[in-house]
Amino acid sequence: QQRQAELEAARLAKEKEEEEVRQQALVAKKEKEIQKKAIKKERQKLRTTCKNWNYFSDNEADCVKMMEEVEKLCDRLELASLQCLNEALTSTTREGGKAAVVKQIEEINEQIRREKEEAEARMRQATKSSEKSTTGGGGGSKNWPEDDLQLLIKAVNLFPAGTNSRGFCITNHMVAQGAPGFSCLSDMVITWAMHEFYPHQKDDINKKAFDKFKKEHGVVPQMDSAAPSERFEGSPLDSSPWTTEEQKLLEQALKTYPVNTPERWEKIAAAVPGRSKKDCMKRYKELVEMVKAKKAAQEQVMNATKVKK
């Protein structure tokens, strides 16, 4: 009888403990849901305020850029920071609101910059460790010739992430194309090399390609005044490039819904299946920058030609 009573007491104690844990989990879940709703409310409030002030600009390109930055704030700011910012915006002018938002954006961008530097430092450290475990010195050298770098960029496109024995395939391709001395490149080394070199040399590579075209053909490619319709792909690390069909749908939507259309970017996104409002905004910004870059390159070549004459 005593043994049975002890077992029953232990069972009741265990049930009580489990019930307490369950209640604590329910309370935590409820608090999390409340906070989630509160954050959603503050994010929407920030978006609405900035939208009512036309994102502090009358220039569409600047509006799109600010829209992206506001979305970044919504993604990165905690509830308390969002509440403070919204309170500040409710009691100020348009210019004062712009100053408050820009200040917050600068702080977030600085935080992102520091995080990126720390990540790059960790990647470099991991790369050094990877180099020690491989034979040969070509895999992680920072002094790669430009031709080898371009071969790497092409090979990364040819053998995308997920390819079986990707490092081996990329290495073999580079050696076959005339880049001897490379041991098998690890995925970590490949990723590091693309992050380390491509962003800094992309403009230089594009300029040399432009100069080569001009030298071989004797003409400067003409830029259409309309938005370009060919497929523009971003860096080799871009996981979701725009297709020609998506590009056409975006261009048509931009014409269908002009600047002053209410909920313009929501409607544009709805016209491009599979793409979000943020995707469309980012793509539009990229296209604007590409057109500006092409125009600047043409003007540079034309000015150089005039000087020679």
Protein backbone atom coordinates (compact mmCIF):
# COMPACT_ATOMS: atom_id res chain seq x y z
CA GLN A 1 0.00 0.00 0.00
CA GLN A 2 2.77 2.43 0.91
CA ARG A 3 4.64 1.64 -2.31
CA GLN A 4 1.50 2.21 -4.35
CA ALA A 5 0.88 5.51 -2.58
CA GLU A 6 4.44 6.63 -3.36
CA LEU A 7 4.02 5.73 -7.03
CA GLU A 8 0.71 7.60 -7.17
CA ALA A 9 2.28 10.65 -5.53
CA ALA A 10 5.17 10.55 -8.02
CA ARG A 11 2.72 10.28 -10.91
CA LEU A 12 0.69 13.24 -9.68
CA ALA A 13 3.85 15.29 -9.15
CA LYS A 14 5.02 14.48 -12.67
CA GLU A 15 1.63 15.40 -14.14
CA LYS A 16 1.68 18.67 -12.22
CA GLU A 17 5.18 19.45 -13.48
CA GLU A 18 4.19 18.64 -17.07
CA GLU A 19 1.09 20.82 -16.75
CA GLU A 20 3.19 23.72 -15.47
CA VAL A 21 5.58 23.33 -18.40
CA ARG A 22 2.65 23.21 -20.81
CA GLN A 23 1.11 26.35 -19.30
CA GLN A 24 4.45 28.15 -19.50
CA ALA A 25 4.74 27.16 -23.17
CA LEU A 26 1.22 28.45 -23.83
CA VAL A 27 2.00 31.76 -22.11
CA ALA A 28 5.24 32.11 -24.08
CA LYS A 29 3.41 31.32 -27.32
CA LYS A 30 0.71 33.86 -26.54
CA GLU A 31 3.29 36.54 -25.73
CA LYS A 32 5.13 35.76 -28.94
CA GLU A 33 1.92 36.10 -30.96
CA ILE A 34 1.13 39.41 -29.25
CA GLN A 35 4.61 40.72 -30.04
CA LYS A 36 4.36 39.46 -33.61
CA LYS A 37 1.09 41.34 -34.11
CA ALA A 38 2.57 44.45 -32.50
CA ILE A 39 5.62 44.35 -34.79
CA LYS A 40 3.39 43.84 -37.82
CA LYS A 41 1.30 46.83 -36.77
CA GLU A 42 4.36 49.07 -36.28
CA ARG A 43 5.86 47.99 -39.61
CA GLN A 44 2.65 48.82 -41.43
CA LYS A 45 2.47 52.15 -39.63
CA LEU A 46 6.01 53.01 -40.77
CA ARG A 47 5.27 51.99 -44.37
CA THR A 48 2.05 54.03 -44.42
CA THR A 49 3.69 57.15 -42.97
CA CYS A 50 6.55 57.04 -45.47
CA LYS A 51 4.15 56.34 -48.31
CA ASN A 52 1.93 59.30 -47.35
CA TRP A 53 5.02 61.49 -47.57
CA ASN A 54 5.82 59.94 -50.98
CA TYR A 55 8.99 58.46 -49.49
CA PHE A 56 10.37 61.98 -48.99
CA SER A 57 11.06 62.60 -52.69
CA ASP A 58 9.42 63.63 -55.96
CA ASN A 59 11.87 61.58 -58.02
CA GLU A 60 10.66 58.06 -58.79
CA ALA A 61 14.11 56.45 -58.65
CA ASP A 62 14.76 58.04 -55.25
CA CYS A 63 11.33 56.89 -54.06
CA VAL A 64 12.10 53.30 -55.04
CA LYS A 65 15.46 53.45 -53.28
CA MET A 66 13.88 54.85 -50.12
CA MET A 67 11.13 52.23 -50.33
CA GLU A 68 13.79 49.51 -50.27
CA GLU A 69 15.51 51.15 -47.31
CA VAL A 70 12.21 51.37 -45.40
CA GLU A 71 11.64 47.65 -46.03
CA LYS A 72 15.12 47.05 -44.65
CA LEU A 73 14.14 48.93 -41.49
CA CYS A 74 10.99 46.83 -41.18
CA ASP A 75 13.04 43.65 -41.44
CA ARG A 76 15.84 44.65 -39.06
CA LEU A 77 14.37 46.87 -36.34
CA GLU A 78 13.06 45.43 -33.08
CA LEU A 79 9.62 46.35 -31.74
CA ALA A 80 10.89 49.04 -29.35
CA SER A 81 12.93 50.74 -32.09
CA LEU A 82 9.99 50.69 -34.49
CA GLN A 83 7.72 52.22 -31.86
CA CYS A 84 10.23 55.00 -31.10
CA LEU A 85 10.65 55.80 -34.79
CA ASN A 86 6.90 55.87 -35.43
CA GLU A 87 6.34 58.13 -32.42
CA ALA A 88 8.99 60.52 -33.74
CA LEU A 89 7.35 60.56 -37.18
CA THR A 90 3.90 61.42 -35.80
CA SER A 91 5.14 64.65 -34.24
CA THR A 92 7.35 66.14 -36.94
CA THR A 93 7.35 67.63 -40.43
CA ARG A 94 8.11 65.88 -43.70
CA GLU A 95 11.73 67.04 -43.60
CA GLY A 96 12.04 66.11 -39.94
CA GLY A 97 10.60 62.70 -40.71
CA LYS A 98 13.07 62.21 -43.54
CA ALA A 99 15.97 63.08 -41.22
CA ALA A 100 14.76 60.60 -38.60
CA VAL A 101 14.33 57.80 -41.14
CA VAL A 102 17.67 58.49 -42.84
CA LYS A 103 19.46 58.45 -39.48
CA GLN A 104 17.93 55.07 -38.66
CA ILE A 105 18.83 53.75 -42.13
CA GLU A 106 22.45 54.84 -41.68
CA GLU A 107 22.65 53.02 -38.35
CA ILE A 108 21.20 49.83 -39.85
CA ASN A 109 23.51 50.01 -42.88
CA GLU A 110 26.50 50.46 -40.58
CA GLN A 111 25.39 47.42 -38.60
CA ILE A 112 25.05 45.42 -41.83
CA ARG A 113 28.50 46.59 -42.93
CA ARG A 114 30.07 45.40 -39.67
CA GLU A 115 28.29 42.05 -39.92
CA LYS A 116 29.54 41.66 -43.48
CA GLU A 117 33.13 42.43 -42.47
CA GLU A 118 32.93 39.90 -39.65
CA ALA A 119 31.50 37.28 -42.01
CA GLU A 120 34.26 37.96 -44.56
CA ALA A 121 36.89 37.67 -41.83
CA ARG A 122 35.46 34.31 -40.78
CA MET A 123 35.38 33.20 -44.41
CA ARG A 124 39.03 34.17 -44.92
CA GLN A 125 39.99 32.28 -41.79
CA ALA A 126 38.06 29.24 -42.98
CA THR A 127 39.73 29.56 -46.38
CA LYS A 128 43.18 29.50 -44.80
CA SER A 129 42.24 26.34 -42.96
CA SER A 130 40.93 24.86 -46.21
CA GLU A 131 44.18 25.72 -48.00
CA LYS A 132 46.20 23.81 -45.42
CA SER A 133 44.14 20.69 -46.08
CA THR A 134 44.68 20.75 -49.86
CA THR A 135 47.79 20.22 -51.96
CA GLY A 136 49.09 22.83 -54.36
CA GLY A 137 49.02 26.58 -53.91
CA GLY A 138 46.56 27.76 -56.55
CA GLY A 139 43.28 27.09 -54.76
CA GLY A 140 43.20 30.03 -52.40
CA SER A 141 45.73 32.52 -53.67
CA LYS A 142 44.61 36.14 -53.55
CA ASN A 143 46.88 36.96 -56.49
CA TRP A 144 44.95 35.12 -59.16
CA PRO A 145 45.57 36.38 -62.71
CA GLU A 146 42.57 38.10 -64.29
CA ASP A 147 42.22 35.34 -66.91
CA ASP A 148 41.98 32.71 -64.17
CA LEU A 149 39.39 34.80 -62.35
CA GLN A 150 37.24 35.07 -65.48
CA LEU A 151 37.57 31.31 -65.98
CA LEU A 152 36.38 30.83 -62.41
CA ILE A 153 33.35 33.06 -62.99
CA LYS A 154 32.41 31.10 -66.13
CA ALA A 155 32.99 27.78 -64.39
CA VAL A 156 30.79 28.78 -61.43
CA ASN A 157 27.98 29.57 -63.89
CA LEU A 158 28.60 26.31 -65.75
CA PHE A 159 28.57 24.19 -62.58
CA PRO A 160 26.06 25.87 -60.21
CA ALA A 161 25.62 25.12 -56.51
CA GLY A 162 24.24 21.61 -56.03
CA THR A 163 26.37 20.03 -58.77
CA ASN A 164 27.88 16.73 -57.64
CA SER A 165 31.63 17.10 -56.93
CA ARG A 166 31.32 20.76 -57.85
CA GLY A 167 34.83 21.74 -56.78
CA PHE A 168 36.33 18.88 -58.78
CA CYS A 169 34.28 19.78 -61.89
CA ILE A 170 35.21 23.48 -61.68
CA THR A 171 38.89 22.67 -61.16
CA ASN A 172 38.99 20.27 -64.13
CA HIS A 173 37.23 22.81 -66.33
CA MET A 174 39.71 25.55 -65.39
CA VAL A 175 42.71 23.28 -65.98
CA ALA A 176 41.28 22.18 -69.33
CA GLN A 177 40.87 25.85 -70.31
CA GLY A 178 44.51 26.64 -69.59
CA ALA A 179 44.72 27.38 -65.86
CA PRO A 180 47.17 24.72 -64.57
CA GLY A 181 48.40 24.43 -61.01
CA PHE A 182 45.04 24.28 -59.29
CA SER A 183 44.25 21.60 -56.75
CA CYS A 184 40.61 20.65 -56.19
CA LEU A 185 38.78 23.81 -55.11
CA SER A 186 36.46 23.44 -52.15
CA ASP A 187 33.02 25.09 -52.15
CA MET A 188 34.25 27.40 -49.40
CA VAL A 189 37.20 28.59 -51.50
CA ILE A 190 34.94 29.10 -54.53
CA THR A 191 32.44 31.13 -52.51
CA TRP A 192 35.18 33.19 -50.92
CA ALA A 193 36.85 33.91 -54.26
CA MET A 194 33.58 35.08 -55.81
CA HIS A 195 32.82 37.35 -52.85
CA GLU A 196 36.39 38.60 -52.70
CA PHE A 197 37.03 39.32 -56.36
CA TYR A 198 33.84 39.58 -58.39
CA PRO A 199 32.24 42.69 -56.81
CA HIS A 200 35.51 44.63 -57.15
CA GLN A 201 36.43 43.51 -60.66
CA LYS A 202 32.98 43.32 -62.27
CA ASP A 203 33.05 46.95 -63.47
CA ASP A 204 36.61 46.60 -64.73
CA ILE A 205 35.77 43.37 -66.58
CA ASN A 206 32.68 44.99 -68.15
CA LYS A 207 34.70 48.03 -69.23
CA LYS A 208 37.36 45.86 -70.87
CA ALA A 209 34.67 43.88 -72.67
CA PHE A 210 33.13 47.16 -73.88
CA ASP A 211 36.54 48.41 -75.10
CA LYS A 212 37.22 45.09 -76.83
CA PHE A 213 33.88 45.26 -78.66
CA LYS A 214 34.57 48.81 -79.81
CA LYS A 215 38.08 47.91 -80.98
CA GLU A 216 36.93 44.85 -82.95
CA HIS A 217 33.79 46.38 -84.48
CA GLY A 218 34.75 50.04 -84.65
CA VAL A 219 31.35 51.17 -83.32
CA VAL A 220 29.76 51.98 -80.00
CA PRO A 221 26.66 49.92 -79.08
CA GLN A 222 23.59 52.17 -79.27
CA MET A 223 21.36 52.45 -76.22
CA ASP A 224 17.62 52.40 -76.66
CA SER A 225 15.88 55.22 -74.83
CA ALA A 226 13.23 52.78 -73.60
CA ALA A 227 13.75 50.41 -70.71
CA PRO A 228 15.96 47.52 -71.88
CA SER A 229 14.09 44.33 -72.61
CA GLU A 230 16.94 41.83 -72.79
CA ARG A 231 17.60 39.54 -69.85
CA PHE A 232 19.96 41.11 -67.36
CA GLU A 233 21.56 38.70 -64.96
CA GLY A 234 23.16 39.86 -61.76
CA SER A 235 26.28 38.41 -60.24
CA PRO A 236 26.98 34.68 -60.59
CA LEU A 237 25.77 34.33 -57.01
CA ASP A 238 22.26 35.54 -57.90
CA SER A 239 20.02 32.55 -57.24
CA SER A 240 16.95 33.81 -59.08
CA PRO A 241 17.73 35.71 -62.31
CA TRP A 242 14.87 37.32 -64.20
CA THR A 243 13.66 35.52 -67.30
CA THR A 244 12.85 37.27 -70.57
CA GLU A 245 9.12 36.69 -70.00
CA GLU A 246 9.26 38.17 -66.49
CA GLN A 247 11.16 41.16 -67.86
CA LYS A 248 8.48 41.79 -70.50
CA LEU A 249 5.70 41.52 -67.90
CA LEU A 250 7.50 44.00 -65.64
CA GLU A 251 7.99 46.50 -68.47
CA GLN A 252 4.33 46.24 -69.44
CA ALA A 253 3.23 46.68 -65.82
CA LEU A 254 5.41 49.79 -65.46
CA LYS A 255 3.60 51.29 -68.46
CA THR A 256 0.16 50.14 -67.31
CA TYR A 257 0.56 51.59 -63.82
CA PRO A 258 2.25 55.03 -64.04
CA VAL A 259 3.90 56.86 -61.16
CA ASN A 260 0.77 58.32 -59.55
CA THR A 261 -1.18 55.03 -59.49
CA PRO A 262 -2.37 54.13 -55.94
CA GLU A 263 -0.74 50.96 -54.59
CA ARG A 264 1.39 51.01 -57.74
CA TRP A 265 4.05 48.47 -56.77
CA GLU A 266 1.51 46.04 -55.34
CA LYS A 267 -0.28 46.07 -58.70
CA ILE A 268 2.98 45.72 -60.62
CA ALA A 269 3.97 42.71 -58.50
CA ALA A 270 0.55 41.14 -59.09
CA ALA A 271 1.17 41.43 -62.84
CA VAL A 272 4.44 39.46 -62.60
CA PRO A 273 3.64 35.95 -61.30
CA GLY A 274 6.19 34.59 -58.85
CA ARG A 275 7.71 37.98 -58.06
CA SER A 276 7.12 40.03 -54.91
CA LYS A 277 6.81 43.80 -54.60
CA LYS A 278 10.37 43.91 -53.28
CA ASP A 279 11.63 41.86 -56.27
CA CYS A 280 10.02 44.26 -58.74
CA MET A 281 11.32 47.35 -56.94
CA LYS A 282 14.83 45.92 -56.85
CA ARG A 283 14.67 44.94 -60.51
CA TYR A 284 13.49 48.41 -61.53
CA LYS A 285 16.35 49.97 -59.60
CA GLU A 286 18.85 47.63 -61.29
CA LEU A 287 17.52 48.53 -64.74
CA VAL A 288 17.74 52.25 -64.01
CA GLU A 289 21.34 51.85 -62.86
CA MET A 290 22.22 49.74 -65.91
CA VAL A 291 20.82 52.33 -68.30
CA LYS A 292 22.74 55.08 -66.50
CA ALA A 293 25.94 53.02 -66.61
CA LYS A 294 25.58 52.36 -70.34
CA LYS A 295 24.92 56.02 -71.03
CA ALA A 296 27.92 57.07 -68.95
CA ALA A 297 30.14 54.58 -70.79
CA GLN A 298 29.00 55.91 -74.16
CA GLU A 299 29.62 59.50 -73.12
CA GLN A 300 33.08 58.56 -71.85
CA VAL A 301 33.99 56.95 -75.19
CA MET A 302 32.55 59.88 -77.16
CA ASN A 303 34.47 62.42 -75.06
CA ALA A 304 37.69 60.45 -75.51
CA THR A 305 37.12 60.41 -79.28
CA LYS A 306 36.59 64.19 -79.35
CA VAL A 307 39.81 64.78 -77.41
CA LYS A 308 41.81 62.68 -79.91
CA LYS A 309 40.36 64.68 -82.81
